[in-house]
C-alpha atoms as a PDB file:
ATOM      1  CA  MET A   1     125.456  77.058 145.161  1.00  0.00           C
ATOM      2  CA  PHE A   2     125.165  74.373 142.707  1.00  0.00           C
ATOM      3  CA  GLY A   3     123.943  76.919 140.055  1.00  0.00           C
ATOM      4  CA  ARG A   4     126.997  78.867 140.473  1.00  0.00           C
ATOM      5  CA  LEU A   5     129.352  75.981 140.278  1.00  0.00           C
ATOM      6  CA  THR A   6     127.717  74.688 137.142  1.00  0.00           C
ATOM      7  CA  ASP A   7     127.918  78.184 135.363  1.00  0.00           C
ATOM      8  CA  ARG A   8     131.615  78.127 136.398  1.00  0.00           C
ATOM      9  CA  LEU A   9     131.953  74.592 134.795  1.00  0.00           C
ATOM     10  CA  LEU A  10     130.280  75.739 131.684  1.00  0.00           C
ATOM     11  CA  LEU A  11     132.335  78.958 131.289  1.00  0.00           C
ATOM     12  CA  MET A  12     135.370  76.729 131.928  1.00  0.00           C
ATOM     13  CA  GLN A  13     134.260  74.347 129.219  1.00  0.00           C
ATOM     14  CA  ILE A  14     133.763  77.104 126.710  1.00  0.00           C
ATOM     15  CA  ALA A  15     137.177  78.815 127.465  1.00  0.00           C
ATOM     16  CA  ILE A  16     138.850  75.413 126.836  1.00  0.00           C
ATOM     17  CA  ALA A  17     136.948  74.806 123.621  1.00  0.00           C
ATOM     18  CA  GLU A  18     137.681  78.263 122.520  1.00  0.00           C
ATOM     19  CA  ARG A  19     141.401  77.769 123.107  1.00  0.00           C
ATOM     20  CA  LEU A  20     141.489  74.420 121.423  1.00  0.00           C
ATOM     21  CA  ARG A  21     139.598  75.929 118.422  1.00  0.00           C
ATOM     22  CA  ARG A  22     142.355  78.533 118.163  1.00  0.00           C
ATOM     23  CA  LEU A  23     144.897  75.736 118.118  1.00  0.00           C
ATOM     24  CA  ARG A  24     143.357  73.948 115.149  1.00  0.00           C
ATOM     25  CA  ASP A  25     142.876  77.182 113.227  1.00  0.00           C
ATOM     26  CA  GLU A  26     144.776  76.501 110.014  1.00  0.00           C
ATOM     27  CA  ARG A  27     144.239  79.770 108.157  1.00  0.00           C
ATOM     28  CA  GLY A  28     147.303  81.313 106.551  1.00  0.00           C
ATOM     29  CA  GLN A  29     148.855  77.713 106.359  1.00  0.00           C
ATOM     30  CA  THR A  30     148.595  77.431 102.508  1.00  0.00           C
ATOM     31  CA  PRO A  31     150.336  80.584 101.713  1.00  0.00           C
ATOM     32  CA  THR A  32     153.023  79.701 104.028  1.00  0.00           C
ATOM     33  CA  GLU A  33     153.506  76.262 102.346  1.00  0.00           C
ATOM     34  CA  TYR A  34     153.635  77.903  98.999  1.00  0.00           C
ATOM     35  CA  LEU A  35     156.245  80.531 100.236  1.00  0.00           C
ATOM     36  CA  MET A  36     158.525  77.318 101.670  1.00  0.00           C
ATOM     37  CA  ILE A  37     158.339  75.716  98.182  1.00  0.00           C
ATOM     38  CA  VAL A  38     158.936  78.659  96.192  1.00  0.00           C
ATOM     39  CA  GLY A  39     162.011  79.368  98.499  1.00  0.00           C
ATOM     40  CA  LEU A  40     163.241  75.919  98.119  1.00  0.00           C
ATOM     41  CA  MET A  41     162.908  76.107  94.276  1.00  0.00           C
ATOM     42  CA  ALA A  42     164.826  79.286  94.296  1.00  0.00           C
ATOM     43  CA  VAL A  43     167.732  77.814  96.491  1.00  0.00           C
ATOM     44  CA  VAL A  44     167.827  74.677  93.974  1.00  0.00           C
ATOM     45  CA  ILE A  45     167.907  77.117  91.013  1.00  0.00           C
ATOM     46  CA  VAL A  46     170.705  79.134  92.449  1.00  0.00           C
ATOM     47  CA  ILE A  47     172.904  76.259  93.382  1.00  0.00           C
ATOM     48  CA  VAL A  48     172.508  74.657  89.757  1.00  0.00           C
ATOM     49  CA  PHE A  49     173.224  78.129  88.193  1.00  0.00           C
ATOM     50  CA  VAL A  50     176.481  78.775  90.257  1.00  0.00           C
ATOM     51  CA  THR A  51     177.753  75.220  89.638  1.00  0.00           C
ATOM     52  CA  PHE A  52     177.234  75.401  85.994  1.00  0.00           C
ATOM     53  CA  TYR A  53     177.866  78.926  85.178  1.00  0.00           C
ATOM     54  CA  TRP A  54     180.267  80.195  87.764  1.00  0.00           C
ATOM     55  CA  GLN A  55     183.198  80.884  85.558  1.00  0.00           C
ATOM     56  CA  GLN A  56     181.044  83.160  83.480  1.00  0.00           C
ATOM     57  CA  VAL A  57     179.557  84.804  86.289  1.00  0.00           C
ATOM     58  CA  LYS A  58     182.868  85.236  87.881  1.00  0.00           C
ATOM     59  CA  GLN A  59     184.369  86.842  84.694  1.00  0.00           C
ATOM     60  CA  ALA A  60     181.289  89.130  84.010  1.00  0.00           C
ATOM     61  CA  ALA A  61     181.266  90.287  87.586  1.00  0.00           C
ATOM     62  CA  SER A  62     184.988  91.071  87.668  1.00  0.00           C
ATOM     63  CA  THR A  63     184.673  93.157  84.500  1.00  0.00           C
ATOM     64  CA  TRP A  64     181.734  94.948  85.981  1.00  0.00           C
ATOM     65  CA  VAL A  65     183.577  95.725  89.257  1.00  0.00           C
ATOM     66  CA  ALA A  66     186.486  96.976  87.246  1.00  0.00           C
ATOM     67  CA  ASN A  67     184.512  99.287  85.008  1.00  0.00           C
ATOM     68  CA  VAL A  68     182.551 100.610  88.002  1.00  0.00           C
ATOM     69  CA  THR A  69     185.979 101.186  89.780  1.00  0.00           C
ATOM     70  CA  GLN A  70     187.282 102.975  86.757  1.00  0.00           C
ATOM     71  CA  SER A  71     184.107 105.204  86.732  1.00  0.00           C
ATOM     72  CA  VAL A  72     184.274 106.139  90.259  1.00  0.00           C
ATOM     73  CA  THR A  73     187.940 106.856  90.483  1.00  0.00           C
ATOM     74  CA  GLY A  74     187.929 108.764  87.073  1.00  0.00           C
ATOM     75  CA  LYS A  75     190.785 106.876  85.608  1.00  0.00           C
ATOM     76  CA  SER A  76     189.282 106.368  82.155  1.00  0.00           C
ATOM     77  CA  VAL A  77     188.098 110.163  82.010  1.00  0.00           C
ATOM     78  CA  THR A  78     190.409 112.350  79.683  1.00  0.00           C
ATOM     79  CA  PRO A  79     190.423 115.926  80.566  1.00  0.00           C
END
């Protein structure tokens, strides 16, 4: 009886140790941290770019949209 009880306790200890080992597993943490840093840098760069160059970007985007609209509707095409 005691042999079966000790075997059960040993198996429970092994299962608990395995679960704790999985919780402490840090594989994949470094790439995630690098992606977070790159994402943060991208957000900062976009904010700075939009803040300082918004007028030029807005004008260029408006011109591009107008050109595409003319091309799609065929207004600038001569028969």
